[in-house]
Amino acid sequence: MKLTKYMKFDAAHQLPNYDGLCARPHGHTYKVKVDIEVRRLQKDYPFVIDFVDLKKVIEKYDHTNLNEFIDIPTAENIVVEIWNDINKKLIEHDLYHTLEIELWETETASITYDGNPAL
């Protein structure tokens, strides 16, 4: 069984030690695609994940300055942080799962993370 959910959030950030426009404070409307696949549901938790839980994870980022809780808030680091937050929720419900997050920083630029560390 596979769940896909799209969400958006608005946030500001700046890239420290970066030589370019992104060194200045600026904002984005980020789009997030969450794909979760499970083999089977638990009897006491009849969801892949509760949409309310997903919304709460994304609300953590909405209308914030990402530099306040991510040292270098590149799209790469933001997507890993979101993946970790959602993965914790899945582990709480003891679900064997795969999780993939795609994060768009702009309409034409996205990054995808599935939990595997970069090579």
N, C-alpha and C. Protein backbone atom coordinates (compact mmCIF):
# COMPACT_ATOMS: atom_id res chain seq x y z
N MET A 1 0.85 -1.16 0.00
CA MET A 1 0.00 0.00 0.00
C MET A 1 0.91 1.23 0.00
N LYS A 2 0.58 2.20 -0.87
CA LYS A 2 1.42 3.39 -0.98
C LYS A 2 0.57 4.65 -0.83
N LEU A 3 1.06 5.55 0.01
CA LEU A 3 0.42 6.85 0.23
C LEU A 3 1.30 7.93 -0.39
N THR A 4 0.66 8.88 -1.08
CA THR A 4 1.35 10.06 -1.60
C THR A 4 0.60 11.28 -1.11
N LYS A 5 1.33 12.24 -0.59
CA LYS A 5 0.73 13.47 -0.07
C LYS A 5 1.59 14.65 -0.52
N TYR A 6 0.93 15.69 -1.03
CA TYR A 6 1.59 16.95 -1.40
C TYR A 6 1.22 18.02 -0.38
N MET A 7 2.21 18.82 0.02
CA MET A 7 1.98 19.90 0.97
C MET A 7 2.88 21.08 0.58
N LYS A 8 2.59 22.24 1.15
CA LYS A 8 3.41 23.43 0.92
C LYS A 8 3.68 24.13 2.25
N PHE A 9 4.79 24.85 2.28
CA PHE A 9 5.07 25.73 3.41
C PHE A 9 5.92 26.89 2.93
N ASP A 10 5.80 28.00 3.63
CA ASP A 10 6.59 29.21 3.34
C ASP A 10 7.63 29.37 4.43
N ALA A 11 8.87 29.63 4.01
CA ALA A 11 9.93 29.80 5.00
C ALA A 11 11.03 30.69 4.42
N ALA A 12 11.78 31.29 5.34
CA ALA A 12 12.92 32.13 4.97
C ALA A 12 14.20 31.40 5.35
N HIS A 13 15.28 31.80 4.68
CA HIS A 13 16.60 31.29 5.04
C HIS A 13 17.66 32.13 4.34
N GLN A 14 18.88 31.87 4.70
CA GLN A 14 20.03 32.42 3.99
C GLN A 14 21.15 31.41 4.13
N LEU A 15 22.02 31.38 3.16
CA LEU A 15 23.10 30.39 3.16
C LEU A 15 24.38 31.02 3.67
N PRO A 16 24.85 30.57 4.84
CA PRO A 16 26.09 31.11 5.39
C PRO A 16 27.29 30.71 4.54
N ASN A 17 28.27 31.58 4.49
CA ASN A 17 29.51 31.31 3.75
C ASN A 17 29.26 30.98 2.28
N TYR A 18 28.26 31.62 1.70
CA TYR A 18 27.91 31.40 0.30
C TYR A 18 28.18 32.69 -0.46
N ASP A 19 28.81 32.58 -1.61
CA ASP A 19 29.12 33.75 -2.42
C ASP A 19 28.07 33.89 -3.52
N GLY A 20 27.00 34.58 -3.20
CA GLY A 20 25.92 34.75 -4.17
C GLY A 20 24.71 35.35 -3.49
N LEU A 21 23.64 35.52 -4.27
CA LEU A 21 22.43 36.15 -3.75
C LEU A 21 21.81 35.41 -2.57
N CYS A 22 21.95 34.11 -2.52
CA CYS A 22 21.33 33.32 -1.45
C CYS A 22 22.01 33.52 -0.09
N ALA A 23 23.10 34.29 -0.07
CA ALA A 23 23.72 34.64 1.20
C ALA A 23 22.86 35.66 1.95
N ARG A 24 21.99 36.34 1.22
CA ARG A 24 21.07 37.31 1.84
C ARG A 24 19.79 36.61 2.29
N PRO A 25 19.14 37.13 3.34
CA PRO A 25 17.85 36.55 3.75
C PRO A 25 16.83 36.63 2.61
N HIS A 26 16.14 35.55 2.37
CA HIS A 26 15.11 35.49 1.34
C HIS A 26 14.16 34.34 1.68
N GLY A 27 13.08 34.23 0.96
CA GLY A 27 12.09 33.21 1.25
C GLY A 27 11.68 32.41 0.04
N HIS A 28 11.04 31.29 0.31
CA HIS A 28 10.52 30.40 -0.73
C HIS A 28 9.17 29.86 -0.28
N THR A 29 8.36 29.50 -1.26
CA THR A 29 7.22 28.64 -1.00
C THR A 29 7.66 27.25 -1.42
N TYR A 30 7.94 26.42 -0.43
CA TYR A 30 8.42 25.07 -0.67
C TYR A 30 7.22 24.15 -0.92
N LYS A 31 7.40 23.20 -1.82
CA LYS A 31 6.41 22.16 -2.05
C LYS A 31 7.06 20.84 -1.64
N VAL A 32 6.29 20.01 -0.96
CA VAL A 32 6.79 18.74 -0.46
C VAL A 32 5.90 17.62 -0.99
N LYS A 33 6.54 16.58 -1.50
CA LYS A 33 5.82 15.35 -1.88
C LYS A 33 6.33 14.24 -0.97
N VAL A 34 5.40 13.60 -0.29
CA VAL A 34 5.72 12.50 0.62
C VAL A 34 5.17 11.21 0.02
N ASP A 35 6.04 10.22 -0.15
CA ASP A 35 5.63 8.88 -0.58
C ASP A 35 5.99 7.90 0.52
N ILE A 36 4.99 7.19 1.02
CA ILE A 36 5.21 6.18 2.06
C ILE A 36 4.59 4.89 1.57
N GLU A 37 5.35 3.82 1.66
CA GLU A 37 4.84 2.52 1.29
C GLU A 37 4.98 1.57 2.47
N VAL A 38 3.91 0.84 2.77
CA VAL A 38 3.93 -0.13 3.85
C VAL A 38 3.46 -1.48 3.32
N ARG A 39 3.94 -2.55 3.95
CA ARG A 39 3.50 -3.89 3.54
C ARG A 39 2.08 -4.17 4.02
N ARG A 40 1.82 -3.76 5.25
CA ARG A 40 0.48 -3.97 5.82
C ARG A 40 0.27 -2.97 6.95
N LEU A 41 -0.99 -2.73 7.25
CA LEU A 41 -1.34 -1.81 8.34
C LEU A 41 -1.35 -2.57 9.66
N GLN A 42 -1.16 -1.84 10.74
CA GLN A 42 -1.26 -2.43 12.07
C GLN A 42 -2.73 -2.45 12.48
N LYS A 43 -3.12 -3.44 13.25
CA LYS A 43 -4.52 -3.55 13.67
C LYS A 43 -4.95 -2.36 14.52
N ASP A 44 -4.05 -1.86 15.36
CA ASP A 44 -4.40 -0.75 16.26
C ASP A 44 -4.12 0.62 15.65
N TYR A 45 -3.64 0.66 14.40
CA TYR A 45 -3.35 1.93 13.72
C TYR A 45 -3.69 1.75 12.24
N PRO A 46 -4.95 2.01 11.87
CA PRO A 46 -5.42 1.67 10.52
C PRO A 46 -5.06 2.69 9.44
N PHE A 47 -3.87 3.30 9.56
CA PHE A 47 -3.42 4.29 8.58
C PHE A 47 -2.02 3.91 8.10
N VAL A 48 -1.66 4.35 6.90
CA VAL A 48 -0.26 4.37 6.53
C VAL A 48 0.41 5.40 7.42
N ILE A 49 -0.15 6.60 7.43
CA ILE A 49 0.18 7.64 8.42
C ILE A 49 -1.03 8.57 8.47
N ASP A 50 -1.33 9.07 9.62
CA ASP A 50 -2.44 10.00 9.78
C ASP A 50 -2.06 11.33 9.11
N PHE A 51 -2.92 11.84 8.23
CA PHE A 51 -2.65 13.11 7.56
C PHE A 51 -2.45 14.24 8.55
N VAL A 52 -3.07 14.16 9.71
CA VAL A 52 -2.88 15.18 10.76
C VAL A 52 -1.43 15.18 11.22
N ASP A 53 -0.83 14.00 11.36
CA ASP A 53 0.58 13.92 11.76
C ASP A 53 1.49 14.53 10.70
N LEU A 54 1.20 14.27 9.43
CA LEU A 54 2.00 14.87 8.36
C LEU A 54 1.89 16.40 8.38
N LYS A 55 0.69 16.89 8.58
CA LYS A 55 0.47 18.34 8.63
C LYS A 55 1.27 18.96 9.78
N LYS A 56 1.29 18.29 10.93
CA LYS A 56 2.04 18.81 12.08
C LYS A 56 3.53 18.88 11.79
N VAL A 57 4.06 17.89 11.08
CA VAL A 57 5.49 17.92 10.73
C VAL A 57 5.78 19.14 9.87
N ILE A 58 4.97 19.37 8.86
CA ILE A 58 5.22 20.49 7.94
C ILE A 58 4.98 21.83 8.63
N GLU A 59 4.04 21.90 9.56
CA GLU A 59 3.80 23.15 10.29
C GLU A 59 5.03 23.61 11.06
N LYS A 60 5.90 22.68 11.44
CA LYS A 60 7.15 23.03 12.12
C LYS A 60 7.98 23.99 11.28
N TYR A 61 7.91 23.87 9.97
CA TYR A 61 8.72 24.66 9.05
C TYR A 61 8.01 25.91 8.54
N ASP A 62 6.69 25.92 8.58
CA ASP A 62 5.92 26.99 7.96
C ASP A 62 6.12 28.33 8.67
N HIS A 63 6.38 29.35 7.87
CA HIS A 63 6.57 30.73 8.35
C HIS A 63 7.66 30.81 9.43
N THR A 64 8.78 30.15 9.14
CA THR A 64 9.92 30.20 10.05
C THR A 64 11.15 30.70 9.31
N ASN A 65 12.18 30.98 10.10
CA ASN A 65 13.51 31.20 9.56
C ASN A 65 14.24 29.87 9.74
N LEU A 66 14.49 29.17 8.67
CA LEU A 66 15.06 27.83 8.74
C LEU A 66 16.44 27.82 9.38
N ASN A 67 17.16 28.95 9.32
CA ASN A 67 18.48 29.03 9.95
C ASN A 67 18.42 28.85 11.45
N GLU A 68 17.26 29.04 12.05
CA GLU A 68 17.13 28.91 13.49
C GLU A 68 17.23 27.46 13.96
N PHE A 69 16.98 26.47 13.06
CA PHE A 69 17.09 25.08 13.49
C PHE A 69 17.78 24.15 12.50
N ILE A 70 18.26 24.69 11.39
CA ILE A 70 19.08 23.93 10.46
C ILE A 70 20.32 24.79 10.18
N ASP A 71 21.49 24.28 10.54
CA ASP A 71 22.72 25.09 10.46
C ASP A 71 22.95 25.66 9.06
N ILE A 72 22.88 24.82 8.06
CA ILE A 72 23.06 25.26 6.67
C ILE A 72 21.82 24.81 5.91
N PRO A 73 20.81 25.68 5.81
CA PRO A 73 19.51 25.27 5.29
C PRO A 73 19.44 25.22 3.75
N THR A 74 20.27 24.37 3.17
CA THR A 74 20.16 24.09 1.75
C THR A 74 18.97 23.16 1.54
N ALA A 75 18.51 23.04 0.31
CA ALA A 75 17.42 22.10 0.01
C ALA A 75 17.80 20.69 0.44
N GLU A 76 19.08 20.34 0.25
CA GLU A 76 19.56 19.01 0.63
C GLU A 76 19.39 18.76 2.13
N ASN A 77 19.74 19.74 2.95
CA ASN A 77 19.62 19.56 4.40
C ASN A 77 18.18 19.67 4.88
N ILE A 78 17.38 20.49 4.23
CA ILE A 78 15.97 20.62 4.61
C ILE A 78 15.23 19.31 4.34
N VAL A 79 15.45 18.70 3.18
CA VAL A 79 14.74 17.46 2.85
C VAL A 79 15.13 16.33 3.81
N VAL A 80 16.38 16.28 4.23
CA VAL A 80 16.80 15.26 5.21
C VAL A 80 16.10 15.50 6.54
N GLU A 81 16.01 16.74 6.97
CA GLU A 81 15.34 17.07 8.24
C GLU A 81 13.86 16.66 8.20
N ILE A 82 13.18 16.97 7.10
CA ILE A 82 11.77 16.58 6.96
C ILE A 82 11.65 15.06 6.96
N TRP A 83 12.53 14.38 6.23
CA TRP A 83 12.51 12.91 6.19
C TRP A 83 12.65 12.34 7.60
N ASN A 84 13.61 12.86 8.36
CA ASN A 84 13.82 12.38 9.74
C ASN A 84 12.58 12.57 10.59
N ASP A 85 11.93 13.73 10.48
CA ASP A 85 10.73 14.02 11.29
C ASP A 85 9.59 13.05 10.95
N ILE A 86 9.36 12.81 9.66
CA ILE A 86 8.28 11.90 9.26
C ILE A 86 8.63 10.47 9.60
N ASN A 87 9.88 10.09 9.42
CA ASN A 87 10.31 8.73 9.75
C ASN A 87 10.08 8.42 11.24
N LYS A 88 10.32 9.40 12.10
CA LYS A 88 10.08 9.20 13.55
C LYS A 88 8.61 8.86 13.80
N LYS A 89 7.70 9.53 13.10
CA LYS A 89 6.27 9.25 13.27
C LYS A 89 5.94 7.82 12.83
N LEU A 90 6.55 7.37 11.74
CA LEU A 90 6.29 6.01 11.27
C LEU A 90 6.84 4.97 12.23
N ILE A 91 8.01 5.23 12.77
CA ILE A 91 8.62 4.31 13.73
C ILE A 91 7.77 4.20 14.99
N GLU A 92 7.17 5.31 15.42
CA GLU A 92 6.29 5.29 16.60
C GLU A 92 5.18 4.25 16.45
N HIS A 93 4.73 4.03 15.21
CA HIS A 93 3.62 3.10 14.97
C HIS A 93 4.12 1.73 14.48
N ASP A 94 5.43 1.51 14.59
CA ASP A 94 6.02 0.20 14.32
C ASP A 94 5.66 -0.32 12.93
N LEU A 95 5.70 0.57 11.94
CA LEU A 95 5.39 0.19 10.57
C LEU A 95 6.67 -0.12 9.80
N TYR A 96 6.69 -1.25 9.12
CA TYR A 96 7.78 -1.52 8.19
C TYR A 96 7.46 -0.71 6.95
N HIS A 97 8.34 0.18 6.56
CA HIS A 97 7.98 1.15 5.53
C HIS A 97 9.18 1.58 4.69
N THR A 98 8.87 2.16 3.56
CA THR A 98 9.84 2.93 2.80
C THR A 98 9.29 4.34 2.73
N LEU A 99 10.19 5.30 2.75
CA LEU A 99 9.79 6.70 2.79
C LEU A 99 10.67 7.47 1.82
N GLU A 100 10.03 8.26 0.97
CA GLU A 100 10.76 9.12 0.05
C GLU A 100 10.12 10.50 0.08
N ILE A 101 10.96 11.51 0.18
CA ILE A 101 10.50 12.90 0.23
C ILE A 101 11.10 13.64 -0.96
N GLU A 102 10.26 14.37 -1.68
CA GLU A 102 10.74 15.28 -2.71
C GLU A 102 10.40 16.69 -2.27
N LEU A 103 11.39 17.57 -2.32
CA LEU A 103 11.23 18.96 -1.88
C LEU A 103 11.55 19.87 -3.06
N TRP A 104 10.59 20.74 -3.43
CA TRP A 104 10.81 21.76 -4.44
C TRP A 104 11.11 23.06 -3.75
N GLU A 105 12.25 23.66 -4.08
CA GLU A 105 12.57 24.99 -3.57
C GLU A 105 12.00 26.06 -4.50
N THR A 106 11.94 25.74 -5.78
CA THR A 106 11.30 26.60 -6.78
C THR A 106 10.42 25.70 -7.64
N GLU A 107 9.69 26.28 -8.57
CA GLU A 107 8.84 25.48 -9.45
C GLU A 107 9.63 24.53 -10.33
N THR A 108 10.91 24.84 -10.56
CA THR A 108 11.70 24.05 -11.50
C THR A 108 12.86 23.31 -10.85
N ALA A 109 13.01 23.38 -9.53
CA ALA A 109 14.15 22.75 -8.88
C ALA A 109 13.69 21.97 -7.65
N SER A 110 14.00 20.66 -7.65
CA SER A 110 13.63 19.83 -6.51
C SER A 110 14.77 18.87 -6.18
N ILE A 111 14.66 18.30 -5.00
CA ILE A 111 15.61 17.27 -4.55
C ILE A 111 14.81 16.17 -3.88
N THR A 112 15.25 14.93 -4.05
CA THR A 112 14.55 13.77 -3.51
C THR A 112 15.47 13.02 -2.56
N TYR A 113 14.92 12.58 -1.43
CA TYR A 113 15.70 11.84 -0.42
C TYR A 113 14.90 10.64 0.03
N ASP A 114 15.57 9.48 0.11
CA ASP A 114 14.91 8.24 0.51
C ASP A 114 15.52 7.62 1.77
N GLY A 115 16.35 8.38 2.48
CA GLY A 115 16.92 7.86 3.71
C GLY A 115 18.31 7.28 3.55
N ASN A 116 18.73 7.05 2.34
CA ASN A 116 20.08 6.53 2.11
C ASN A 116 21.07 7.69 2.11
N PRO A 117 22.16 7.56 2.85
CA PRO A 117 23.14 8.64 2.87
C PRO A 117 23.77 8.83 1.49
N ALA A 118 24.19 10.04 1.22
CA ALA A 118 24.83 10.33 -0.07
C ALA A 118 26.08 9.49 -0.23
N LEU A 119 26.34 9.12 -1.44
CA LEU A 119 27.52 8.29 -1.73
C LEU A 119 28.78 9.12 -1.69
